[in-house]
Protein backbone atom coordinates (compact mmCIF):
# COMPACT_ATOMS: atom_id res chain seq x y z
CA UNK A 1 -5.75 1.95 8.46
CA UNK A 2 -7.44 1.92 12.11
CA UNK A 3 -5.65 2.60 15.66
CA UNK A 4 -6.92 1.02 18.98
CA UNK A 5 -5.43 1.29 22.52
CA UNK A 6 -5.41 -2.24 24.39
CA UNK A 7 -6.87 -1.15 27.55
CA UNK A 8 -5.67 -4.24 29.49
CA UNK A 9 -2.22 -3.37 28.59
CA UNK A 10 -2.10 0.50 28.78
CA UNK A 11 -0.19 1.96 31.82
CA UNK A 12 -0.88 5.59 31.14
CA UNK A 13 2.81 6.71 30.07
CA UNK A 14 1.06 9.12 27.62
CA UNK A 15 3.37 8.88 24.74
CA UNK A 16 0.88 7.91 22.49
CA UNK A 17 -1.40 10.86 23.01
CA UNK A 18 1.80 12.97 22.98
CA UNK A 19 2.96 11.58 19.61
CA UNK A 20 -0.64 11.22 18.06
CA UNK A 21 -2.93 13.95 19.58
CA UNK A 22 -5.10 13.94 16.68
CA UNK A 23 -5.74 10.17 17.09
CA UNK A 24 -5.54 9.40 20.72
CA UNK A 25 -6.54 11.48 23.91
CA UNK A 26 -6.23 10.62 27.47
CA UNK A 27 -9.01 9.16 29.58
CA UNK A 28 -9.88 10.39 33.08
CA UNK A 29 -7.34 8.17 34.43
CA UNK A 30 -4.46 9.08 32.04
CA UNK A 31 -4.42 6.16 29.89
CA UNK A 32 -4.73 6.53 26.20
CA UNK A 33 -7.91 5.90 24.14
CA UNK A 34 -8.37 6.28 20.47
CA UNK A 35 -10.75 9.16 19.17
CA UNK A 36 -13.70 8.09 17.53
CA UNK A 37 -13.65 4.66 15.83
CA UNK A 38 -9.82 4.91 15.40
CA UNK A 39 -9.75 5.57 11.89
CA UNK A 40 -6.56 7.17 10.80
CA UNK A 41 -7.41 9.92 8.09
CA UNK A 42 -4.93 10.52 5.39
CA UNK A 43 -1.97 12.14 6.34
CA UNK A 44 -1.81 11.01 9.76
CA UNK A 45 -0.51 7.54 9.32
CA UNK A 46 3.21 8.60 10.35
CA UNK A 47 1.65 9.93 13.52
CA UNK A 48 0.04 6.48 14.18
CA UNK A 49 3.18 4.50 13.59
CA UNK A 50 5.05 6.84 16.14
CA UNK A 51 2.45 6.03 18.53
CA UNK A 52 2.81 2.46 17.83
CA UNK A 53 6.43 2.39 18.01
CA UNK A 54 6.86 4.35 21.02
CA UNK A 55 4.40 2.53 23.25
CA UNK A 56 6.37 0.79 26.10
CA UNK A 57 3.70 -1.62 26.97
CA UNK A 58 2.76 -2.29 23.45
CA UNK A 59 -0.78 -1.28 24.10
CA UNK A 60 -1.33 0.43 20.83
CA UNK A 61 -2.56 -1.53 18.00
CA UNK A 62 -2.56 -0.82 14.22
CA UNK A 63 -4.71 -2.48 11.65
CA UNK A 64 -3.20 -1.54 8.44
CA UNK A 65 -5.51 -3.30 6.40
CA UNK A 66 -8.48 -0.67 6.95
């Protein structure tokens, strides 16, 4: 699984990095950005899905095939 933040949609609500701090961090503007290459380690899939489910702008993208 891989997580990605669509910067064209992100409005900086901060829910993603609050719910998945091991996967997403705030950038200098307060928008979310994935940490590293966005790979979701085993055990953090639930956090990734919570971030995906709670983004009001639908800026969190999950690729579950990886």
